[in-house]
Amino acid sequence: MSTFSERLAAAKVAPRKTKDVSILLDTDLAEQREALRDQIGRVRAIADADQRLSGGTHPAEVLLQEQLDKLLADSAESLITLRFARLSGDAWSEITARCPVRPDAPIDRQYGYNMHAVCKLAAPISGARVDGEDLVPLLVTPASEGVPAVDEWSDLFNTISGHEMVLIIDAIYDLNAWDPAMQVSSLKKELATRPA
């Protein structure tokens, strides 16, 4: 059986658990894809009603499908994956301490801190954009003489949908609070039911 020091040393070098979140940066492309699908459906309905065209695909459908295929290729570049890693307990507790409960927010009262503010502060520390096999940090630089500040995290939060923001909040919360609590609880239950 290993000692506490050996288990601690192994835990220090173990890879941190991660979660990926996919977001769509160009929602206009999504709307264009939907419009093209609707047009293809209408052309098919007309072609099906016209018995003379029943032997093949309507030329308009072919053209619309080509446009849709191009949009799908363009949309693939707009689908971004963010990867978040579990923070150290020290970093997580420091962030939660800086984000007091909003009195009018039931979710905050449940968790004991401002959940949204915590996750917005944790994201730049724990998250990066996935680019193939690489993780690319989002830029956050202060303004300097003649150069404006860059905060891609803030820009991202102001651009994505509410659904995508919830996905990010859930991933960060799960990694840093929910999953660790469930692991401890599960192990305690299993140990309690083990024969002596």
C-alpha atoms as a PDB file:
ATOM      1  CA  MET A   1       0.000   0.000   0.000  1.00  0.00           C
ATOM      2  CA  SER A   2       1.355   3.444  -0.913  1.00  0.00           C
ATOM      3  CA  THR A   3       1.926   6.214   1.586  1.00  0.00           C
ATOM      4  CA  PHE A   4       0.067   9.539   1.670  1.00  0.00           C
ATOM      5  CA  SER A   5       3.177  11.279   0.289  1.00  0.00           C
ATOM      6  CA  GLU A   6       3.370   8.845  -2.636  1.00  0.00           C
ATOM      7  CA  ARG A   7      -0.339   9.264  -3.444  1.00  0.00           C
ATOM      8  CA  LEU A   8      -0.012  13.066  -3.224  1.00  0.00           C
ATOM      9  CA  ALA A   9       3.037  13.054  -5.528  1.00  0.00           C
ATOM     10  CA  ALA A  10       1.156  10.917  -8.059  1.00  0.00           C
ATOM     11  CA  ALA A  11      -1.906  13.208  -7.888  1.00  0.00           C
ATOM     12  CA  LYS A  12       0.280  16.288  -8.518  1.00  0.00           C
ATOM     13  CA  VAL A  13       1.513  14.933 -11.872  1.00  0.00           C
ATOM     14  CA  ALA A  14      -1.739  13.285 -12.990  1.00  0.00           C
ATOM     15  CA  PRO A  15      -3.381  15.011 -15.956  1.00  0.00           C
ATOM     16  CA  ARG A  16      -6.286  17.246 -15.003  1.00  0.00           C
ATOM     17  CA  LYS A  17      -9.738  16.187 -16.172  1.00  0.00           C
ATOM     18  CA  THR A  18     -11.073  18.197 -19.121  1.00  0.00           C
ATOM     19  CA  LYS A  19     -14.384  18.877 -20.851  1.00  0.00           C
ATOM     20  CA  ASP A  20     -14.992  20.161 -24.373  1.00  0.00           C
ATOM     21  CA  VAL A  21     -17.697  22.631 -25.384  1.00  0.00           C
ATOM     22  CA  SER A  22     -18.636  23.321 -29.015  1.00  0.00           C
ATOM     23  CA  ILE A  23     -19.840  26.775 -30.003  1.00  0.00           C
ATOM     24  CA  LEU A  24     -20.929  28.281 -33.310  1.00  0.00           C
ATOM     25  CA  LEU A  25     -19.461  31.693 -34.013  1.00  0.00           C
ATOM     26  CA  ASP A  26     -21.325  32.469 -37.229  1.00  0.00           C
ATOM     27  CA  THR A  27     -25.041  32.057 -36.564  1.00  0.00           C
ATOM     28  CA  ASP A  28     -25.818  33.808 -39.863  1.00  0.00           C
ATOM     29  CA  LEU A  29     -24.464  30.730 -41.682  1.00  0.00           C
ATOM     30  CA  ALA A  30     -26.863  28.553 -39.700  1.00  0.00           C
ATOM     31  CA  GLU A  31     -29.781  30.679 -40.845  1.00  0.00           C
ATOM     32  CA  GLN A  32     -28.557  30.532 -44.466  1.00  0.00           C
ATOM     33  CA  ARG A  33     -28.258  26.721 -44.280  1.00  0.00           C
ATOM     34  CA  GLU A  34     -31.823  26.468 -42.970  1.00  0.00           C
ATOM     35  CA  ALA A  35     -33.117  28.734 -45.773  1.00  0.00           C
ATOM     36  CA  LEU A  36     -31.364  26.592 -48.411  1.00  0.00           C
ATOM     37  CA  ARG A  37     -32.806  23.399 -46.907  1.00  0.00           C
ATOM     38  CA  ASP A  38     -36.273  24.970 -47.085  1.00  0.00           C
ATOM     39  CA  GLN A  39     -35.718  25.913 -50.738  1.00  0.00           C
ATOM     40  CA  ILE A  40     -34.530  22.385 -51.568  1.00  0.00           C
ATOM     41  CA  GLY A  41     -37.656  20.993 -49.905  1.00  0.00           C
ATOM     42  CA  ARG A  42     -39.901  23.276 -51.966  1.00  0.00           C
ATOM     43  CA  VAL A  43     -38.105  22.343 -55.218  1.00  0.00           C
ATOM     44  CA  ARG A  44     -38.458  18.626 -54.392  1.00  0.00           C
ATOM     45  CA  ALA A  45     -42.156  19.066 -53.675  1.00  0.00           C
ATOM     46  CA  ILE A  46     -42.659  20.822 -57.028  1.00  0.00           C
ATOM     47  CA  ALA A  47     -40.585  18.166 -58.846  1.00  0.00           C
ATOM     48  CA  ASP A  48     -42.548  15.351 -57.190  1.00  0.00           C
ATOM     49  CA  ALA A  49     -45.804  16.956 -58.286  1.00  0.00           C
ATOM     50  CA  ASP A  50     -44.549  17.334 -61.874  1.00  0.00           C
ATOM     51  CA  GLN A  51     -44.536  13.819 -63.317  1.00  0.00           C
ATOM     52  CA  ARG A  52     -42.277  14.864 -66.212  1.00  0.00           C
ATOM     53  CA  LEU A  53     -39.370  15.397 -63.784  1.00  0.00           C
ATOM     54  CA  SER A  54     -39.885  12.198 -61.811  1.00  0.00           C
ATOM     55  CA  GLY A  55     -37.045  10.481 -63.642  1.00  0.00           C
ATOM     56  CA  GLY A  56     -34.265  12.651 -62.196  1.00  0.00           C
ATOM     57  CA  THR A  57     -33.209  15.454 -59.919  1.00  0.00           C
ATOM     58  CA  HIS A  58     -34.478  18.930 -60.732  1.00  0.00           C
ATOM     59  CA  PRO A  59     -31.634  21.210 -61.948  1.00  0.00           C
ATOM     60  CA  ALA A  60     -32.585  23.845 -59.348  1.00  0.00           C
ATOM     61  CA  GLU A  61     -32.202  21.246 -56.595  1.00  0.00           C
ATOM     62  CA  VAL A  62     -28.700  20.386 -57.836  1.00  0.00           C
ATOM     63  CA  LEU A  63     -27.722  24.067 -57.764  1.00  0.00           C
ATOM     64  CA  LEU A  64     -29.203  24.599 -54.287  1.00  0.00           C
ATOM     65  CA  GLN A  65     -27.466  21.470 -52.977  1.00  0.00           C
ATOM     66  CA  GLU A  66     -24.120  22.774 -54.273  1.00  0.00           C
ATOM     67  CA  GLN A  67     -24.742  26.042 -52.424  1.00  0.00           C
ATOM     68  CA  LEU A  68     -25.665  24.114 -49.268  1.00  0.00           C
ATOM     69  CA  ASP A  69     -22.520  21.975 -49.514  1.00  0.00           C
ATOM     70  CA  LYS A  70     -20.370  25.119 -49.764  1.00  0.00           C
ATOM     71  CA  LEU A  71     -22.138  26.666 -46.770  1.00  0.00           C
ATOM     72  CA  LEU A  72     -21.591  23.480 -44.759  1.00  0.00           C
ATOM     73  CA  ALA A  73     -17.867  23.671 -45.528  1.00  0.00           C
ATOM     74  CA  ASP A  74     -17.825  27.336 -44.471  1.00  0.00           C
ATOM     75  CA  SER A  75     -19.810  26.503 -41.318  1.00  0.00           C
ATOM     76  CA  ALA A  76     -17.281  23.866 -40.292  1.00  0.00           C
ATOM     77  CA  GLU A  77     -14.786  26.685 -39.742  1.00  0.00           C
ATOM     78  CA  SER A  78     -17.315  28.513 -37.531  1.00  0.00           C
ATOM     79  CA  LEU A  79     -17.745  25.524 -35.205  1.00  0.00           C
ATOM     80  CA  ILE A  80     -15.219  26.106 -32.435  1.00  0.00           C
ATOM     81  CA  THR A  81     -14.290  23.698 -29.656  1.00  0.00           C
ATOM     82  CA  LEU A  82     -13.206  25.056 -26.296  1.00  0.00           C
ATOM     83  CA  ARG A  83     -11.497  22.753 -23.816  1.00  0.00           C
ATOM     84  CA  PHE A  84     -11.674  23.450 -20.091  1.00  0.00           C
ATOM     85  CA  ALA A  85      -9.464  21.778 -17.490  1.00  0.00           C
ATOM     86  CA  ARG A  86     -10.116  21.309 -13.795  1.00  0.00           C
ATOM     87  CA  LEU A  87      -8.509  24.051 -11.708  1.00  0.00           C
ATOM     88  CA  SER A  88      -6.564  23.420  -8.540  1.00  0.00           C
ATOM     89  CA  GLY A  89      -8.668  23.587  -5.400  1.00  0.00           C
ATOM     90  CA  ASP A  90      -6.723  26.675  -4.367  1.00  0.00           C
ATOM     91  CA  ALA A  91      -7.519  28.517  -7.613  1.00  0.00           C
ATOM     92  CA  TRP A  92     -11.194  27.481  -7.555  1.00  0.00           C
ATOM     93  CA  SER A  93     -11.705  28.558  -3.944  1.00  0.00           C
ATOM     94  CA  GLU A  94      -9.962  31.896  -4.605  1.00  0.00           C
ATOM     95  CA  ILE A  95     -12.287  32.605  -7.530  1.00  0.00           C
ATOM     96  CA  THR A  96     -15.446  31.605  -5.630  1.00  0.00           C
ATOM     97  CA  ALA A  97     -14.402  33.823  -2.698  1.00  0.00           C
ATOM     98  CA  ARG A  98     -14.227  36.839  -5.043  1.00  0.00           C
ATOM     99  CA  CYS A  99     -17.777  36.323  -6.369  1.00  0.00           C
ATOM    100  CA  PRO A 100     -20.356  36.867  -3.625  1.00  0.00           C
ATOM    101  CA  VAL A 101     -23.927  35.658  -3.840  1.00  0.00           C
ATOM    102  CA  ARG A 102     -26.413  37.892  -5.666  1.00  0.00           C
ATOM    103  CA  PRO A 103     -29.361  38.186  -3.233  1.00  0.00           C
ATOM    104  CA  ASP A 104     -31.926  37.935  -6.029  1.00  0.00           C
ATOM    105  CA  ALA A 105     -30.361  34.869  -7.699  1.00  0.00           C
ATOM    106  CA  PRO A 106     -31.586  31.524  -6.314  1.00  0.00           C
ATOM    107  CA  ILE A 107     -28.776  29.650  -8.077  1.00  0.00           C
ATOM    108  CA  ASP A 108     -26.209  31.730  -6.177  1.00  0.00           C
ATOM    109  CA  ARG A 109     -27.888  31.069  -2.838  1.00  0.00           C
ATOM    110  CA  GLN A 110     -27.824  27.361  -3.635  1.00  0.00           C
ATOM    111  CA  TYR A 111     -24.077  27.288  -4.369  1.00  0.00           C
ATOM    112  CA  GLY A 112     -22.843  30.065  -2.087  1.00  0.00           C
ATOM    113  CA  TYR A 113     -21.300  32.234  -4.808  1.00  0.00           C
ATOM    114  CA  ASN A 114     -22.172  34.017  -8.059  1.00  0.00           C
ATOM    115  CA  MET A 115     -22.068  31.047 -10.412  1.00  0.00           C
ATOM    116  CA  HIS A 116     -21.895  33.106 -13.621  1.00  0.00           C
ATOM    117  CA  ALA A 117     -19.155  35.441 -12.404  1.00  0.00           C
ATOM    118  CA  VAL A 118     -17.112  32.495 -11.104  1.00  0.00           C
ATOM    119  CA  CYS A 119     -17.245  30.709 -14.441  1.00  0.00           C
ATOM    120  CA  LYS A 120     -16.394  33.883 -16.377  1.00  0.00           C
ATOM    121  CA  LEU A 121     -13.299  34.321 -14.173  1.00  0.00           C
ATOM    122  CA  ALA A 122     -12.377  30.625 -14.377  1.00  0.00           C
ATOM    123  CA  ALA A 123     -12.714  30.338 -18.171  1.00  0.00           C
ATOM    124  CA  PRO A 124      -9.533  32.262 -19.142  1.00  0.00           C
ATOM    125  CA  ILE A 125      -7.523  30.357 -16.522  1.00  0.00           C
ATOM    126  CA  SER A 126      -8.807  26.904 -17.403  1.00  0.00           C
ATOM    127  CA  GLY A 127      -9.898  27.150 -21.031  1.00  0.00           C
ATOM    128  CA  ALA A 128      -8.358  27.229 -24.481  1.00  0.00           C
ATOM    129  CA  ARG A 129      -9.466  26.817 -28.088  1.00  0.00           C
ATOM    130  CA  VAL A 130      -8.843  23.397 -29.641  1.00  0.00           C
ATOM    131  CA  ASP A 131      -7.023  23.659 -32.975  1.00  0.00           C
ATOM    132  CA  GLY A 132      -6.347  20.146 -34.247  1.00  0.00           C
ATOM    133  CA  GLU A 133      -4.028  18.637 -31.654  1.00  0.00           C
ATOM    134  CA  ASP A 134      -3.083  22.024 -30.179  1.00  0.00           C
ATOM    135  CA  LEU A 135      -4.649  24.133 -27.446  1.00  0.00           C
ATOM    136  CA  VAL A 136      -4.573  27.835 -28.303  1.00  0.00           C
ATOM    137  CA  PRO A 137      -5.180  30.362 -25.502  1.00  0.00           C
ATOM    138  CA  LEU A 138      -7.617  33.161 -26.243  1.00  0.00           C
ATOM    139  CA  LEU A 139      -5.913  36.557 -26.169  1.00  0.00           C
ATOM    140  CA  VAL A 140      -6.251  38.792 -23.142  1.00  0.00           C
ATOM    141  CA  THR A 141      -3.907  41.775 -23.236  1.00  0.00           C
ATOM    142  CA  PRO A 142      -4.180  45.151 -21.504  1.00  0.00           C
ATOM    143  CA  ALA A 143      -4.180  48.378 -23.458  1.00  0.00           C
ATOM    144  CA  SER A 144      -0.828  50.063 -23.967  1.00  0.00           C
ATOM    145  CA  GLU A 145       0.288  53.233 -25.703  1.00  0.00           C
ATOM    146  CA  GLY A 146      -1.688  53.414 -28.931  1.00  0.00           C
ATOM    147  CA  VAL A 147      -2.712  49.754 -28.752  1.00  0.00           C
ATOM    148  CA  PRO A 148      -6.231  48.900 -27.549  1.00  0.00           C
ATOM    149  CA  ALA A 149      -6.865  46.148 -25.047  1.00  0.00           C
ATOM    150  CA  VAL A 150      -7.782  42.718 -26.390  1.00  0.00           C
ATOM    151  CA  ASP A 151     -10.035  40.413 -24.403  1.00  0.00           C
ATOM    152  CA  GLU A 152     -11.185  37.540 -26.602  1.00  0.00           C
ATOM    153  CA  TRP A 153     -12.927  35.861 -23.651  1.00  0.00           C
ATOM    154  CA  SER A 154     -15.096  38.914 -23.041  1.00  0.00           C
ATOM    155  CA  ASP A 155     -15.751  39.227 -26.771  1.00  0.00           C
ATOM    156  CA  LEU A 156     -16.686  35.546 -26.894  1.00  0.00           C
ATOM    157  CA  PHE A 157     -19.095  35.828 -23.951  1.00  0.00           C
ATOM    158  CA  ASN A 158     -20.752  38.829 -25.639  1.00  0.00           C
ATOM    159  CA  THR A 159     -21.075  36.936 -28.960  1.00  0.00           C
ATOM    160  CA  ILE A 160     -22.245  33.412 -28.141  1.00  0.00           C
ATOM    161  CA  SER A 161     -25.822  32.367 -27.456  1.00  0.00           C
ATOM    162  CA  GLY A 162     -27.269  31.891 -23.995  1.00  0.00           C
ATOM    163  CA  HIS A 163     -27.339  28.144 -24.626  1.00  0.00           C
ATOM    164  CA  GLU A 164     -23.625  28.105 -25.383  1.00  0.00           C
ATOM    165  CA  MET A 165     -22.888  30.189 -22.275  1.00  0.00           C
ATOM    166  CA  VAL A 166     -24.797  27.657 -20.178  1.00  0.00           C
ATOM    167  CA  LEU A 167     -22.726  24.847 -21.733  1.00  0.00           C
ATOM    168  CA  ILE A 168     -19.515  26.649 -20.707  1.00  0.00           C
ATOM    169  CA  ILE A 169     -20.808  27.322 -17.178  1.00  0.00           C
ATOM    170  CA  ASP A 170     -21.896  23.690 -16.806  1.00  0.00           C
ATOM    171  CA  ALA A 171     -18.537  22.352 -18.007  1.00  0.00           C
ATOM    172  CA  ILE A 172     -16.550  24.560 -15.611  1.00  0.00           C
ATOM    173  CA  TYR A 173     -18.857  23.848 -12.666  1.00  0.00           C
ATOM    174  CA  ASP A 174     -18.909  20.103 -13.356  1.00  0.00           C
ATOM    175  CA  LEU A 175     -15.115  19.928 -13.536  1.00  0.00           C
ATOM    176  CA  ASN A 176     -14.462  21.930 -10.385  1.00  0.00           C
ATOM    177  CA  ALA A 177     -17.375  21.235  -8.045  1.00  0.00           C
ATOM    178  CA  TRP A 178     -19.918  18.627  -9.153  1.00  0.00           C
ATOM    179  CA  ASP A 179     -17.623  15.842 -10.435  1.00  0.00           C
ATOM    180  CA  PRO A 180     -15.226  15.950  -7.440  1.00  0.00           C
ATOM    181  CA  ALA A 181     -18.165  15.945  -4.987  1.00  0.00           C
ATOM    182  CA  MET A 182     -19.764  12.983  -6.764  1.00  0.00           C
ATOM    183  CA  GLN A 183     -16.470  11.048  -6.804  1.00  0.00           C
ATOM    184  CA  VAL A 184     -16.044  11.436  -3.041  1.00  0.00           C
ATOM    185  CA  SER A 185     -19.690  10.603  -2.339  1.00  0.00           C
ATOM    186  CA  SER A 186     -19.644   7.556  -4.603  1.00  0.00           C
ATOM    187  CA  LEU A 187     -16.459   6.166  -3.082  1.00  0.00           C
ATOM    188  CA  LYS A 188     -17.766   6.677   0.461  1.00  0.00           C
ATOM    189  CA  LYS A 189     -20.972   4.806  -0.396  1.00  0.00           C
ATOM    190  CA  GLU A 190     -19.048   1.926  -1.956  1.00  0.00           C
ATOM    191  CA  LEU A 191     -16.707   1.677   1.021  1.00  0.00           C
ATOM    192  CA  ALA A 192     -19.614   1.780   3.479  1.00  0.00           C
ATOM    193  CA  THR A 193     -21.291  -1.223   1.832  1.00  0.00           C
ATOM    194  CA  ARG A 194     -18.119  -3.305   1.596  1.00  0.00           C
ATOM    195  CA  PRO A 195     -17.882  -6.295   3.899  1.00  0.00           C
ATOM    196  CA  ALA A 196     -15.416  -5.792   6.753  1.00  0.00           C
END
